[in-house]
Amino acid sequence: MMYIVGRDAYSTALSVALKGAGLSHICYELNSALHIALNTPDAERAWLSGEDIFAAALTQEDAVPFEESPGHTMLYEMVFK
């Protein structure tokens, strides 16, 4: 439980900092956003200038929840048992 609370606090702090800096604070699905970032020329410059380079990325709401993902039970057992 401690890790979940810590993760949520970190996530909230990061969202507030990004929003305060005028940058997008949407939670993107990692693989989708990483693919876009690595395949977009000057991605960092474009994102920092306010361009919505991740418009085509899946958001956290679009992604399959961890509990429903294939292999969840096996991963859970490997990590927590």
N, C-alpha and C. Protein backbone atom coordinates (compact mmCIF):
# COMPACT_ATOMS: atom_id res chain seq x y z
N MET A 1 0.82 -1.19 0.00
CA MET A 1 0.00 0.00 0.00
C MET A 1 0.87 1.26 0.00
N MET A 2 2.00 1.19 0.70
CA MET A 2 2.89 2.34 0.78
C MET A 2 3.37 2.77 -0.62
N TYR A 3 3.65 1.80 -1.49
CA TYR A 3 4.14 2.11 -2.83
C TYR A 3 3.04 2.77 -3.68
N ILE A 4 1.81 2.31 -3.50
CA ILE A 4 0.70 2.89 -4.25
C ILE A 4 0.49 4.35 -3.84
N VAL A 5 0.53 4.61 -2.54
CA VAL A 5 0.37 5.98 -2.04
C VAL A 5 1.52 6.85 -2.56
N GLY A 6 2.74 6.33 -2.51
CA GLY A 6 3.89 7.08 -3.01
C GLY A 6 3.79 7.37 -4.49
N ARG A 7 3.35 6.37 -5.26
CA ARG A 7 3.18 6.55 -6.71
C ARG A 7 2.14 7.62 -7.00
N ASP A 8 1.03 7.57 -6.28
CA ASP A 8 -0.03 8.56 -6.49
C ASP A 8 0.45 9.97 -6.13
N ALA A 9 1.22 10.09 -5.06
CA ALA A 9 1.74 11.40 -4.66
C ALA A 9 2.70 11.93 -5.72
N TYR A 10 3.57 11.06 -6.23
CA TYR A 10 4.51 11.46 -7.28
C TYR A 10 3.75 11.88 -8.54
N SER A 11 2.76 11.07 -8.93
CA SER A 11 1.98 11.37 -10.12
C SER A 11 1.26 12.70 -10.00
N THR A 12 0.70 12.97 -8.84
CA THR A 12 0.00 14.24 -8.61
C THR A 12 0.98 15.41 -8.67
N ALA A 13 2.13 15.27 -8.02
CA ALA A 13 3.13 16.34 -8.03
C ALA A 13 3.63 16.62 -9.44
N LEU A 14 3.86 15.58 -10.22
CA LEU A 14 4.32 15.75 -11.60
C LEU A 14 3.25 16.45 -12.44
N SER A 15 1.99 16.04 -12.29
CA SER A 15 0.90 16.68 -13.04
C SER A 15 0.78 18.16 -12.71
N VAL A 16 0.88 18.48 -11.43
CA VAL A 16 0.78 19.88 -11.00
C VAL A 16 1.95 20.69 -11.56
N ALA A 17 3.16 20.13 -11.53
CA ALA A 17 4.33 20.84 -12.05
C ALA A 17 4.22 21.06 -13.55
N LEU A 18 3.79 20.04 -14.29
CA LEU A 18 3.64 20.19 -15.74
C LEU A 18 2.57 21.22 -16.08
N LYS A 19 1.43 21.15 -15.38
CA LYS A 19 0.36 22.11 -15.63
C LYS A 19 0.82 23.52 -15.29
N GLY A 20 1.56 23.66 -14.18
CA GLY A 20 2.08 24.97 -13.78
C GLY A 20 3.05 25.55 -14.79
N ALA A 21 3.76 24.68 -15.49
CA ALA A 21 4.72 25.13 -16.50
C ALA A 21 4.05 25.34 -17.86
N GLY A 22 2.74 25.09 -17.91
CA GLY A 22 2.02 25.28 -19.16
C GLY A 22 2.19 24.14 -20.14
N LEU A 23 2.62 22.98 -19.64
CA LEU A 23 2.82 21.82 -20.51
C LEU A 23 1.69 20.81 -20.29
N SER A 24 1.53 19.91 -21.24
CA SER A 24 0.49 18.89 -21.14
C SER A 24 0.74 18.02 -19.91
N HIS A 25 -0.33 17.73 -19.18
CA HIS A 25 -0.19 16.90 -17.98
C HIS A 25 -1.08 15.66 -18.07
N ILE A 26 -1.41 15.26 -19.29
CA ILE A 26 -2.21 14.06 -19.52
C ILE A 26 -1.33 12.83 -19.32
N CYS A 27 -1.89 11.78 -18.75
CA CYS A 27 -1.17 10.51 -18.58
C CYS A 27 -1.33 9.69 -19.85
N TYR A 28 -0.21 9.46 -20.54
CA TYR A 28 -0.23 8.68 -21.78
C TYR A 28 0.20 7.25 -21.50
N GLU A 29 -0.28 6.33 -22.32
CA GLU A 29 0.17 4.95 -22.26
C GLU A 29 1.62 4.96 -22.73
N LEU A 30 2.51 4.36 -21.95
CA LEU A 30 3.95 4.47 -22.17
C LEU A 30 4.39 4.05 -23.56
N ASN A 31 4.01 2.86 -24.02
CA ASN A 31 4.48 2.37 -25.32
C ASN A 31 4.06 3.27 -26.46
N SER A 32 2.83 3.74 -26.42
CA SER A 32 2.31 4.61 -27.46
C SER A 32 3.06 5.94 -27.49
N ALA A 33 3.23 6.56 -26.33
CA ALA A 33 3.92 7.84 -26.26
C ALA A 33 5.41 7.71 -26.60
N LEU A 34 6.02 6.64 -26.15
CA LEU A 34 7.45 6.42 -26.43
C LEU A 34 7.68 6.24 -27.92
N HIS A 35 6.80 5.50 -28.58
CA HIS A 35 6.92 5.31 -30.03
C HIS A 35 6.87 6.66 -30.75
N ILE A 36 5.94 7.50 -30.34
CA ILE A 36 5.83 8.83 -30.97
C ILE A 36 7.07 9.67 -30.67
N ALA A 37 7.52 9.68 -29.43
CA ALA A 37 8.67 10.50 -29.05
C ALA A 37 9.93 10.08 -29.80
N LEU A 38 10.12 8.80 -29.97
CA LEU A 38 11.34 8.31 -30.65
C LEU A 38 11.28 8.46 -32.16
N ASN A 39 10.08 8.59 -32.71
CA ASN A 39 9.94 8.67 -34.16
C ASN A 39 9.54 10.05 -34.67
N THR A 40 9.52 11.04 -33.79
CA THR A 40 9.19 12.40 -34.18
C THR A 40 10.46 13.25 -34.17
N PRO A 41 10.85 13.78 -35.33
CA PRO A 41 12.05 14.63 -35.36
C PRO A 41 11.87 15.84 -34.43
N ASP A 42 12.89 16.14 -33.65
CA ASP A 42 12.87 17.26 -32.70
C ASP A 42 11.67 17.21 -31.76
N ALA A 43 11.34 16.02 -31.28
CA ALA A 43 10.17 15.83 -30.41
C ALA A 43 10.24 16.68 -29.15
N GLU A 44 11.40 16.73 -28.53
CA GLU A 44 11.53 17.51 -27.28
C GLU A 44 11.27 18.99 -27.54
N ARG A 45 11.89 19.53 -28.58
CA ARG A 45 11.70 20.94 -28.90
C ARG A 45 10.23 21.23 -29.20
N ALA A 46 9.61 20.36 -29.99
CA ALA A 46 8.20 20.56 -30.36
C ALA A 46 7.30 20.52 -29.12
N TRP A 47 7.53 19.54 -28.24
CA TRP A 47 6.69 19.41 -27.04
C TRP A 47 6.88 20.61 -26.11
N LEU A 48 8.13 21.02 -25.92
CA LEU A 48 8.41 22.16 -25.03
C LEU A 48 7.86 23.47 -25.59
N SER A 49 7.70 23.55 -26.90
CA SER A 49 7.13 24.77 -27.48
C SER A 49 5.61 24.74 -27.49
N GLY A 50 5.04 23.67 -26.94
CA GLY A 50 3.59 23.59 -26.79
C GLY A 50 2.87 22.80 -27.87
N GLU A 51 3.62 22.24 -28.81
CA GLU A 51 3.00 21.43 -29.86
C GLU A 51 2.47 20.13 -29.25
N ASP A 52 1.30 19.70 -29.66
CA ASP A 52 0.69 18.49 -29.12
C ASP A 52 1.17 17.28 -29.91
N ILE A 53 2.43 16.88 -29.70
CA ILE A 53 2.99 15.77 -30.46
C ILE A 53 2.38 14.43 -30.06
N PHE A 54 1.75 14.36 -28.90
CA PHE A 54 1.18 13.10 -28.42
C PHE A 54 -0.32 12.99 -28.68
N ALA A 55 -0.84 13.80 -29.58
CA ALA A 55 -2.29 13.77 -29.87
C ALA A 55 -2.76 12.38 -30.30
N ALA A 56 -1.93 11.64 -31.00
CA ALA A 56 -2.31 10.31 -31.47
C ALA A 56 -2.02 9.21 -30.46
N ALA A 57 -1.36 9.54 -29.36
CA ALA A 57 -1.02 8.53 -28.35
C ALA A 57 -2.25 8.12 -27.55
N LEU A 58 -2.22 6.88 -27.11
CA LEU A 58 -3.27 6.42 -26.21
C LEU A 58 -3.11 7.11 -24.88
N THR A 59 -4.21 7.43 -24.24
CA THR A 59 -4.13 7.99 -22.90
C THR A 59 -4.27 6.87 -21.89
N GLN A 60 -4.06 7.17 -20.64
CA GLN A 60 -4.16 6.17 -19.59
C GLN A 60 -5.56 5.54 -19.60
N GLU A 61 -6.58 6.32 -19.92
CA GLU A 61 -7.95 5.81 -19.94
C GLU A 61 -8.16 4.83 -21.09
N ASP A 62 -7.40 4.97 -22.20
CA ASP A 62 -7.53 4.08 -23.35
C ASP A 62 -6.83 2.75 -23.14
N ALA A 63 -5.82 2.74 -22.28
CA ALA A 63 -4.99 1.55 -22.08
C ALA A 63 -5.75 0.49 -21.29
N VAL A 64 -5.36 -0.75 -21.48
CA VAL A 64 -5.96 -1.85 -20.72
C VAL A 64 -5.49 -1.77 -19.28
N PRO A 65 -6.40 -1.78 -18.33
CA PRO A 65 -5.97 -1.73 -16.92
C PRO A 65 -5.05 -2.88 -16.59
N PHE A 66 -4.10 -2.64 -15.70
CA PHE A 66 -3.11 -3.65 -15.33
C PHE A 66 -3.77 -4.93 -14.86
N GLU A 67 -4.85 -4.80 -14.09
CA GLU A 67 -5.51 -5.98 -13.53
C GLU A 67 -6.10 -6.86 -14.62
N GLU A 68 -6.43 -6.28 -15.78
CA GLU A 68 -7.06 -7.03 -16.86
C GLU A 68 -6.05 -7.46 -17.93
N SER A 69 -4.80 -7.06 -17.79
CA SER A 69 -3.82 -7.36 -18.83
C SER A 69 -3.39 -8.82 -18.76
N PRO A 70 -3.03 -9.39 -19.92
CA PRO A 70 -2.58 -10.78 -19.94
C PRO A 70 -1.33 -10.97 -19.08
N GLY A 71 -1.29 -12.04 -18.36
CA GLY A 71 -0.13 -12.34 -17.54
C GLY A 71 -0.11 -11.64 -16.20
N HIS A 72 -1.17 -10.90 -15.85
CA HIS A 72 -1.18 -10.18 -14.58
C HIS A 72 -0.97 -11.10 -13.39
N THR A 73 -1.66 -12.21 -13.36
CA THR A 73 -1.56 -13.12 -12.22
C THR A 73 -0.14 -13.64 -12.08
N MET A 74 0.47 -14.04 -13.20
CA MET A 74 1.83 -14.55 -13.14
C MET A 74 2.81 -13.46 -12.68
N LEU A 75 2.67 -12.25 -13.22
CA LEU A 75 3.55 -11.15 -12.81
C LEU A 75 3.38 -10.84 -11.34
N TYR A 76 2.14 -10.78 -10.88
CA TYR A 76 1.85 -10.49 -9.48
C TYR A 76 2.53 -11.52 -8.59
N GLU A 77 2.41 -12.79 -8.95
CA GLU A 77 3.01 -13.86 -8.16
C GLU A 77 4.53 -13.79 -8.15
N MET A 78 5.12 -13.43 -9.30
CA MET A 78 6.58 -13.31 -9.37
C MET A 78 7.10 -12.19 -8.49
N VAL A 79 6.38 -11.09 -8.45
CA VAL A 79 6.84 -9.92 -7.73
C VAL A 79 6.49 -9.97 -6.25
N PHE A 80 5.29 -10.41 -5.93
CA PHE A 80 4.81 -10.29 -4.55
C PHE A 80 4.76 -11.58 -3.76
N LYS A 81 5.03 -12.71 -4.34
CA LYS A 81 4.98 -13.97 -3.59
C LYS A 81 6.36 -14.45 -3.25
